[in-house]
């Protein structure tokens, strides 16, 4: 059994407490632990999934780093909704967007990623950067993101994935086991797999790329929802 199957997600209440404490230092901590690959993933997703004028949902928006890129790309004719479990993380996102003086209408809403308060097909582009990794059922979360993507729209996901190579994978599992002893370090993240669930739902793969350091790589996925809804 691999780590994806063996490592359960943390309860939602514990995740909220972890990210409440992490909010003020999340940006630099995540950047340091990933050697900057997290930012590269955000830029890739926005470049391939977002177009000027789009209605964008940044789901699991955290401190708003991805949403900031999306807001600049959609311009004044678009909208960006920042959605996250943690109100403390969203408070940081609000401060960052205010400081950036962004033009498009922005909304900030909190809730559970697996039960989004939006209608089917409500957004032209839906983004999830590193927010499915802590979710108890990542595949279910991905299907919910796909539900609110409009037919003809795009879904962009970046998530932790298993390293390639047996020896590197074994070492990564050892490091992960140690990191999980300190929730503020692991942030509840582990390698997940969501592409099969999305393809079963009818999504068409546009981009599939692996980036990051060998021990904890990220998988970058961009998918299209067929315009006919199938």
C-alpha atoms as a PDB file:
ATOM      1  CA  UNK A   1       0.000   0.000   0.000  1.00  0.00           C
ATOM      2  CA  UNK A   2       1.431   3.404  -0.927  1.00  0.00           C
ATOM      3  CA  UNK A   3       1.482   6.523   1.229  1.00  0.00           C
ATOM      4  CA  UNK A   4      -1.468   8.008  -0.655  1.00  0.00           C
ATOM      5  CA  UNK A   5      -3.720   5.185   0.458  1.00  0.00           C
ATOM      6  CA  UNK A   6      -2.179   4.699   3.921  1.00  0.00           C
ATOM      7  CA  UNK A   7      -2.109   8.314   5.133  1.00  0.00           C
ATOM      8  CA  UNK A   8      -5.602   9.577   6.054  1.00  0.00           C
ATOM      9  CA  UNK A   9      -6.463  13.246   6.018  1.00  0.00           C
ATOM     10  CA  UNK A  10      -6.770  15.193   9.245  1.00  0.00           C
ATOM     11  CA  UNK A  11     -10.196  16.120  10.684  1.00  0.00           C
ATOM     12  CA  UNK A  12     -11.500  19.423   9.382  1.00  0.00           C
ATOM     13  CA  UNK A  13     -11.469  21.032  12.832  1.00  0.00           C
ATOM     14  CA  UNK A  14      -7.807  20.228  13.304  1.00  0.00           C
ATOM     15  CA  UNK A  15      -6.963  21.589   9.867  1.00  0.00           C
ATOM     16  CA  UNK A  16      -8.700  24.873  10.686  1.00  0.00           C
ATOM     17  CA  UNK A  17      -6.684  25.185  13.888  1.00  0.00           C
ATOM     18  CA  UNK A  18      -3.393  24.418  12.114  1.00  0.00           C
ATOM     19  CA  UNK A  19      -3.945  26.980   9.368  1.00  0.00           C
ATOM     20  CA  UNK A  20      -5.184  29.613  11.812  1.00  0.00           C
ATOM     21  CA  UNK A  21      -1.808  29.431  13.521  1.00  0.00           C
ATOM     22  CA  UNK A  22       0.112  29.273  10.237  1.00  0.00           C
ATOM     23  CA  UNK A  23      -1.599  32.151   8.435  1.00  0.00           C
ATOM     24  CA  UNK A  24       1.004  34.853   9.106  1.00  0.00           C
ATOM     25  CA  UNK A  25       3.981  32.688   8.184  1.00  0.00           C
ATOM     26  CA  UNK A  26       2.458  30.360   5.598  1.00  0.00           C
ATOM     27  CA  UNK A  27       3.886  32.137   2.540  1.00  0.00           C
ATOM     28  CA  UNK A  28       7.527  32.044   3.541  1.00  0.00           C
ATOM     29  CA  UNK A  29       7.297  28.595   5.172  1.00  0.00           C
ATOM     30  CA  UNK A  30       5.719  26.931   2.145  1.00  0.00           C
ATOM     31  CA  UNK A  31       8.108  28.695  -0.225  1.00  0.00           C
ATOM     32  CA  UNK A  32      11.095  27.568   1.832  1.00  0.00           C
ATOM     33  CA  UNK A  33       9.977  23.938   2.132  1.00  0.00           C
ATOM     34  CA  UNK A  34       9.292  23.676  -1.614  1.00  0.00           C
ATOM     35  CA  UNK A  35      12.317  25.723  -2.730  1.00  0.00           C
ATOM     36  CA  UNK A  36       9.988  28.055  -4.609  1.00  0.00           C
ATOM     37  CA  UNK A  37       8.286  25.310  -6.672  1.00  0.00           C
ATOM     38  CA  UNK A  38       4.932  26.278  -5.152  1.00  0.00           C
ATOM     39  CA  UNK A  39       5.028  29.657  -6.889  1.00  0.00           C
ATOM     40  CA  UNK A  40       6.048  28.098 -10.188  1.00  0.00           C
ATOM     41  CA  UNK A  41       3.020  25.814  -9.982  1.00  0.00           C
ATOM     42  CA  UNK A  42       0.689  28.734  -9.343  1.00  0.00           C
ATOM     43  CA  UNK A  43       1.965  30.621 -12.362  1.00  0.00           C
ATOM     44  CA  UNK A  44       1.661  27.550 -14.597  1.00  0.00           C
ATOM     45  CA  UNK A  45      -1.951  26.982 -13.610  1.00  0.00           C
ATOM     46  CA  UNK A  46      -3.009  30.579 -14.095  1.00  0.00           C
ATOM     47  CA  UNK A  47      -1.227  30.791 -17.444  1.00  0.00           C
ATOM     48  CA  UNK A  48      -2.905  27.661 -18.815  1.00  0.00           C
ATOM     49  CA  UNK A  49      -6.317  27.807 -17.122  1.00  0.00           C
ATOM     50  CA  UNK A  50      -7.322  31.477 -16.833  1.00  0.00           C
ATOM     51  CA  UNK A  51      -8.281  33.911 -19.598  1.00  0.00           C
ATOM     52  CA  UNK A  52      -9.071  37.643 -19.580  1.00  0.00           C
ATOM     53  CA  UNK A  53     -12.622  38.317 -18.417  1.00  0.00           C
ATOM     54  CA  UNK A  54     -13.064  34.946 -16.676  1.00  0.00           C
ATOM     55  CA  UNK A  55     -15.110  34.328 -13.568  1.00  0.00           C
ATOM     56  CA  UNK A  56     -12.510  32.564 -11.418  1.00  0.00           C
ATOM     57  CA  UNK A  57     -12.830  30.525  -8.246  1.00  0.00           C
ATOM     58  CA  UNK A  58      -9.588  30.155  -6.284  1.00  0.00           C
ATOM     59  CA  UNK A  59     -10.599  27.251  -4.051  1.00  0.00           C
ATOM     60  CA  UNK A  60      -8.433  26.704  -1.033  1.00  0.00           C
ATOM     61  CA  UNK A  61      -7.162  30.194  -1.721  1.00  0.00           C
ATOM     62  CA  UNK A  62      -5.149  30.384   1.487  1.00  0.00           C
ATOM     63  CA  UNK A  63      -3.218  33.636   1.627  1.00  0.00           C
ATOM     64  CA  UNK A  64      -4.274  34.565  -1.898  1.00  0.00           C
ATOM     65  CA  UNK A  65      -1.064  34.003  -3.856  1.00  0.00           C
ATOM     66  CA  UNK A  66      -2.780  32.170  -6.729  1.00  0.00           C
ATOM     67  CA  UNK A  67      -5.782  34.481  -6.718  1.00  0.00           C
ATOM     68  CA  UNK A  68      -3.495  37.492  -7.074  1.00  0.00           C
ATOM     69  CA  UNK A  69      -2.068  36.050 -10.294  1.00  0.00           C
ATOM     70  CA  UNK A  70      -5.562  35.218 -11.518  1.00  0.00           C
ATOM     71  CA  UNK A  71      -6.875  38.713 -10.756  1.00  0.00           C
ATOM     72  CA  UNK A  72      -4.099  40.301 -12.774  1.00  0.00           C
ATOM     73  CA  UNK A  73      -4.822  37.964 -15.689  1.00  0.00           C
ATOM     74  CA  UNK A  74      -8.620  38.377 -15.826  1.00  0.00           C
ATOM     75  CA  UNK A  75      -8.405  42.164 -15.723  1.00  0.00           C
ATOM     76  CA  UNK A  76     -11.273  44.558 -14.929  1.00  0.00           C
ATOM     77  CA  UNK A  77     -13.850  42.505 -16.875  1.00  0.00           C
ATOM     78  CA  UNK A  78     -13.281  39.383 -14.766  1.00  0.00           C
ATOM     79  CA  UNK A  79     -14.019  38.373 -11.174  1.00  0.00           C
ATOM     80  CA  UNK A  80     -12.110  36.312  -8.626  1.00  0.00           C
ATOM     81  CA  UNK A  81     -13.632  34.532  -5.634  1.00  0.00           C
ATOM     82  CA  UNK A  82     -11.203  33.556  -2.883  1.00  0.00           C
ATOM     83  CA  UNK A  83     -12.609  30.542  -0.996  1.00  0.00           C
ATOM     84  CA  UNK A  84     -10.888  28.889   1.952  1.00  0.00           C
ATOM     85  CA  UNK A  85     -11.534  26.879   5.090  1.00  0.00           C
ATOM     86  CA  UNK A  86      -9.519  29.302   7.217  1.00  0.00           C
ATOM     87  CA  UNK A  87     -10.766  32.807   7.874  1.00  0.00           C
ATOM     88  CA  UNK A  88      -7.325  33.700   9.220  1.00  0.00           C
ATOM     89  CA  UNK A  89      -5.722  32.746   5.899  1.00  0.00           C
ATOM     90  CA  UNK A  90      -8.356  34.763   4.030  1.00  0.00           C
ATOM     91  CA  UNK A  91      -7.607  37.800   6.202  1.00  0.00           C
ATOM     92  CA  UNK A  92      -4.020  37.679   4.937  1.00  0.00           C
ATOM     93  CA  UNK A  93      -5.317  37.314   1.369  1.00  0.00           C
ATOM     94  CA  UNK A  94      -7.519  40.396   1.773  1.00  0.00           C
ATOM     95  CA  UNK A  95      -4.592  42.443   3.037  1.00  0.00           C
ATOM     96  CA  UNK A  96      -2.430  41.345   0.105  1.00  0.00           C
ATOM     97  CA  UNK A  97      -5.070  42.161  -2.515  1.00  0.00           C
ATOM     98  CA  UNK A  98      -5.721  45.563  -0.951  1.00  0.00           C
ATOM     99  CA  UNK A  99      -2.016  46.359  -1.012  1.00  0.00           C
ATOM    100  CA  UNK A 100      -1.821  45.270  -4.669  1.00  0.00           C
ATOM    101  CA  UNK A 101      -4.648  47.634  -5.696  1.00  0.00           C
ATOM    102  CA  UNK A 102      -6.272  45.048  -7.977  1.00  0.00           C
ATOM    103  CA  UNK A 103      -8.953  46.072 -10.468  1.00  0.00           C
ATOM    104  CA  UNK A 104     -11.369  43.123 -10.857  1.00  0.00           C
ATOM    105  CA  UNK A 105     -14.204  42.557  -8.368  1.00  0.00           C
ATOM    106  CA  UNK A 106     -13.002  40.252  -5.586  1.00  0.00           C
ATOM    107  CA  UNK A 107     -14.984  38.150  -3.129  1.00  0.00           C
ATOM    108  CA  UNK A 108     -13.767  36.349  -0.006  1.00  0.00           C
ATOM    109  CA  UNK A 109     -15.784  33.424   1.356  1.00  0.00           C
ATOM    110  CA  UNK A 110     -15.044  30.627   3.812  1.00  0.00           C
ATOM    111  CA  UNK A 111     -16.283  27.054   3.930  1.00  0.00           C
ATOM    112  CA  UNK A 112     -15.614  23.408   3.163  1.00  0.00           C
ATOM    113  CA  UNK A 113     -14.056  22.634  -0.223  1.00  0.00           C
ATOM    114  CA  UNK A 114     -15.994  19.369  -0.445  1.00  0.00           C
ATOM    115  CA  UNK A 115     -19.348  21.181  -0.104  1.00  0.00           C
ATOM    116  CA  UNK A 116     -19.099  24.358  -2.164  1.00  0.00           C
ATOM    117  CA  UNK A 117     -21.997  26.854  -1.903  1.00  0.00           C
ATOM    118  CA  UNK A 118     -22.106  27.479  -5.666  1.00  0.00           C
ATOM    119  CA  UNK A 119     -24.340  26.331  -8.499  1.00  0.00           C
ATOM    120  CA  UNK A 120     -23.209  23.845 -11.114  1.00  0.00           C
ATOM    121  CA  UNK A 121     -21.052  25.535 -13.749  1.00  0.00           C
ATOM    122  CA  UNK A 122     -20.800  28.829 -11.861  1.00  0.00           C
ATOM    123  CA  UNK A 123     -17.184  29.604 -12.893  1.00  0.00           C
ATOM    124  CA  UNK A 124     -15.215  29.815 -16.131  1.00  0.00           C
ATOM    125  CA  UNK A 125     -12.023  28.730 -14.382  1.00  0.00           C
ATOM    126  CA  UNK A 126     -11.549  26.923 -11.074  1.00  0.00           C
ATOM    127  CA  UNK A 127      -8.123  26.757  -9.418  1.00  0.00           C
ATOM    128  CA  UNK A 128      -6.847  24.635  -6.554  1.00  0.00           C
ATOM    129  CA  UNK A 129      -3.210  25.021  -5.583  1.00  0.00           C
ATOM    130  CA  UNK A 130      -2.053  22.621  -2.857  1.00  0.00           C
ATOM    131  CA  UNK A 131      -5.508  22.667  -1.257  1.00  0.00           C
ATOM    132  CA  UNK A 132      -6.553  19.076  -2.087  1.00  0.00           C
ATOM    133  CA  UNK A 133      -3.500  17.577  -0.354  1.00  0.00           C
ATOM    134  CA  UNK A 134      -4.939  17.965   3.204  1.00  0.00           C
ATOM    135  CA  UNK A 135      -8.555  17.091   2.245  1.00  0.00           C
ATOM    136  CA  UNK A 136      -9.854  13.866   3.788  1.00  0.00           C
ATOM    137  CA  UNK A 137     -11.212  12.657   0.417  1.00  0.00           C
ATOM    138  CA  UNK A 138      -9.212  14.453  -2.318  1.00  0.00           C
ATOM    139  CA  UNK A 139     -11.050  12.745  -5.192  1.00  0.00           C
ATOM    140  CA  UNK A 140     -14.396  13.886  -3.795  1.00  0.00           C
ATOM    141  CA  UNK A 141     -13.014  17.406  -3.463  1.00  0.00           C
ATOM    142  CA  UNK A 142     -11.806  17.344  -7.068  1.00  0.00           C
ATOM    143  CA  UNK A 143     -15.229  16.251  -8.284  1.00  0.00           C
ATOM    144  CA  UNK A 144     -16.772  19.178  -6.404  1.00  0.00           C
ATOM    145  CA  UNK A 145     -14.360  21.580  -8.120  1.00  0.00           C
ATOM    146  CA  UNK A 146     -15.312  20.049 -11.455  1.00  0.00           C
ATOM    147  CA  UNK A 147     -19.024  20.454 -10.662  1.00  0.00           C
ATOM    148  CA  UNK A 148     -18.763  24.228 -10.334  1.00  0.00           C
ATOM    149  CA  UNK A 149     -16.669  24.544 -13.525  1.00  0.00           C
ATOM    150  CA  UNK A 150     -18.855  25.562 -16.451  1.00  0.00           C
ATOM    151  CA  UNK A 151     -19.067  23.405 -19.589  1.00  0.00           C
ATOM    152  CA  UNK A 152     -16.244  24.625 -21.809  1.00  0.00           C
ATOM    153  CA  UNK A 153     -14.361  25.949 -18.772  1.00  0.00           C
ATOM    154  CA  UNK A 154     -11.052  24.885 -17.236  1.00  0.00           C
ATOM    155  CA  UNK A 155     -10.015  23.319 -13.958  1.00  0.00           C
ATOM    156  CA  UNK A 156      -6.430  23.796 -12.751  1.00  0.00           C
ATOM    157  CA  UNK A 157      -5.064  21.711  -9.873  1.00  0.00           C
ATOM    158  CA  UNK A 158      -1.631  21.538  -8.244  1.00  0.00           C
ATOM    159  CA  UNK A 159      -1.143  18.841  -5.637  1.00  0.00           C
ATOM    160  CA  UNK A 160       1.567  16.834  -3.941  1.00  0.00           C
ATOM    161  CA  UNK A 161       2.365  13.567  -5.673  1.00  0.00           C
ATOM    162  CA  UNK A 162       4.491  10.479  -5.125  1.00  0.00           C
ATOM    163  CA  UNK A 163       8.146  10.815  -6.176  1.00  0.00           C
ATOM    164  CA  UNK A 164       9.479   8.712  -9.016  1.00  0.00           C
ATOM    165  CA  UNK A 165      11.905   5.902  -8.272  1.00  0.00           C
ATOM    166  CA  UNK A 166      11.666   3.305  -5.520  1.00  0.00           C
ATOM    167  CA  UNK A 167      14.535   4.566  -3.376  1.00  0.00           C
ATOM    168  CA  UNK A 168      13.462   8.207  -3.538  1.00  0.00           C
ATOM    169  CA  UNK A 169       9.889   7.206  -2.731  1.00  0.00           C
ATOM    170  CA  UNK A 170      10.984   5.243   0.323  1.00  0.00           C
ATOM    171  CA  UNK A 171      13.042   8.168   1.567  1.00  0.00           C
ATOM    172  CA  UNK A 172      10.125  10.523   0.951  1.00  0.00           C
ATOM    173  CA  UNK A 173       7.858   8.301   3.047  1.00  0.00           C
ATOM    174  CA  UNK A 174      10.358   8.401   5.917  1.00  0.00           C
ATOM    175  CA  UNK A 175      10.561  12.206   5.737  1.00  0.00           C
ATOM    176  CA  UNK A 176       6.766  12.464   5.567  1.00  0.00           C
ATOM    177  CA  UNK A 177       6.336  10.231   8.616  1.00  0.00           C
ATOM    178  CA  UNK A 178       8.662  12.521  10.569  1.00  0.00           C
ATOM    179  CA  UNK A 179       6.934  15.678   9.327  1.00  0.00           C
ATOM    180  CA  UNK A 180       3.550  14.357  10.449  1.00  0.00           C
ATOM    181  CA  UNK A 181       4.790  14.401  14.019  1.00  0.00           C
ATOM    182  CA  UNK A 182       4.648  18.218  13.792  1.00  0.00           C
ATOM    183  CA  UNK A 183       1.365  19.345  12.190  1.00  0.00           C
ATOM    184  CA  UNK A 184       2.624  22.915  11.790  1.00  0.00           C
ATOM    185  CA  UNK A 185       5.360  21.529   9.544  1.00  0.00           C
ATOM    186  CA  UNK A 186       3.375  18.962   7.542  1.00  0.00           C
ATOM    187  CA  UNK A 187       0.291  21.239   7.321  1.00  0.00           C
ATOM    188  CA  UNK A 188      -1.740  18.049   6.882  1.00  0.00           C
ATOM    189  CA  UNK A 189      -0.387  17.580   3.360  1.00  0.00           C
ATOM    190  CA  UNK A 190       0.363  14.257   1.726  1.00  0.00           C
ATOM    191  CA  UNK A 191       0.590  12.847  -1.796  1.00  0.00           C
ATOM    192  CA  UNK A 192      -2.822  12.427  -3.420  1.00  0.00           C
ATOM    193  CA  UNK A 193      -4.276  11.209  -6.723  1.00  0.00           C
ATOM    194  CA  UNK A 194      -7.298  12.898  -8.352  1.00  0.00           C
ATOM    195  CA  UNK A 195      -6.861  12.583 -12.137  1.00  0.00           C
ATOM    196  CA  UNK A 196      -8.670   9.213 -12.487  1.00  0.00           C
ATOM    197  CA  UNK A 197     -11.744  10.597 -10.701  1.00  0.00           C
ATOM    198  CA  UNK A 198     -11.830  13.661 -12.946  1.00  0.00           C
ATOM    199  CA  UNK A 199     -11.370  11.682 -16.151  1.00  0.00           C
ATOM    200  CA  UNK A 200     -14.150   9.343 -15.033  1.00  0.00           C
ATOM    201  CA  UNK A 201     -16.342  12.446 -14.633  1.00  0.00           C
ATOM    202  CA  UNK A 202     -15.592  13.394 -18.253  1.00  0.00           C
ATOM    203  CA  UNK A 203     -12.752  15.914 -17.888  1.00  0.00           C
ATOM    204  CA  UNK A 204     -10.296  16.224 -20.763  1.00  0.00           C
ATOM    205  CA  UNK A 205      -6.627  16.533 -19.813  1.00  0.00           C
ATOM    206  CA  UNK A 206      -4.847  19.592 -21.239  1.00  0.00           C
ATOM    207  CA  UNK A 207      -1.666  19.730 -19.140  1.00  0.00           C
ATOM    208  CA  UNK A 208       0.031  17.166 -16.912  1.00  0.00           C
ATOM    209  CA  UNK A 209       3.417  18.201 -15.537  1.00  0.00           C
ATOM    210  CA  UNK A 210       5.498  17.292 -12.491  1.00  0.00           C
ATOM    211  CA  UNK A 211       7.666  19.969 -10.879  1.00  0.00           C
ATOM    212  CA  UNK A 212       9.489  20.568  -7.627  1.00  0.00           C
ATOM    213  CA  UNK A 213      12.141  18.916  -5.496  1.00  0.00           C
ATOM    214  CA  UNK A 214      12.568  15.116  -5.878  1.00  0.00           C
ATOM    215  CA  UNK A 215      11.390  14.195  -2.371  1.00  0.00           C
ATOM    216  CA  UNK A 216       8.103  16.129  -2.494  1.00  0.00           C
ATOM    217  CA  UNK A 217       7.146  16.925  -6.105  1.00  0.00           C
ATOM    218  CA  UNK A 218       3.964  18.627  -7.273  1.00  0.00           C
ATOM    219  CA  UNK A 219       1.709  17.468 -10.082  1.00  0.00           C
ATOM    220  CA  UNK A 220       0.257  20.269 -12.201  1.00  0.00           C
ATOM    221  CA  UNK A 221      -3.009  19.413 -13.956  1.00  0.00           C
ATOM    222  CA  UNK A 222      -5.188  21.510 -16.247  1.00  0.00           C
ATOM    223  CA  UNK A 223      -8.400  19.962 -17.517  1.00  0.00           C
ATOM    224  CA  UNK A 224     -11.304  21.104 -19.686  1.00  0.00           C
ATOM    225  CA  UNK A 225     -14.952  20.402 -19.037  1.00  0.00           C
ATOM    226  CA  UNK A 226     -16.533  19.448 -22.376  1.00  0.00           C
ATOM    227  CA  UNK A 227     -18.810  22.145 -23.725  1.00  0.00           C
ATOM    228  CA  UNK A 228     -21.610  19.635 -24.215  1.00  0.00           C
ATOM    229  CA  UNK A 229     -21.411  18.710 -20.527  1.00  0.00           C
ATOM    230  CA  UNK A 230     -20.456  15.099 -21.185  1.00  0.00           C
END
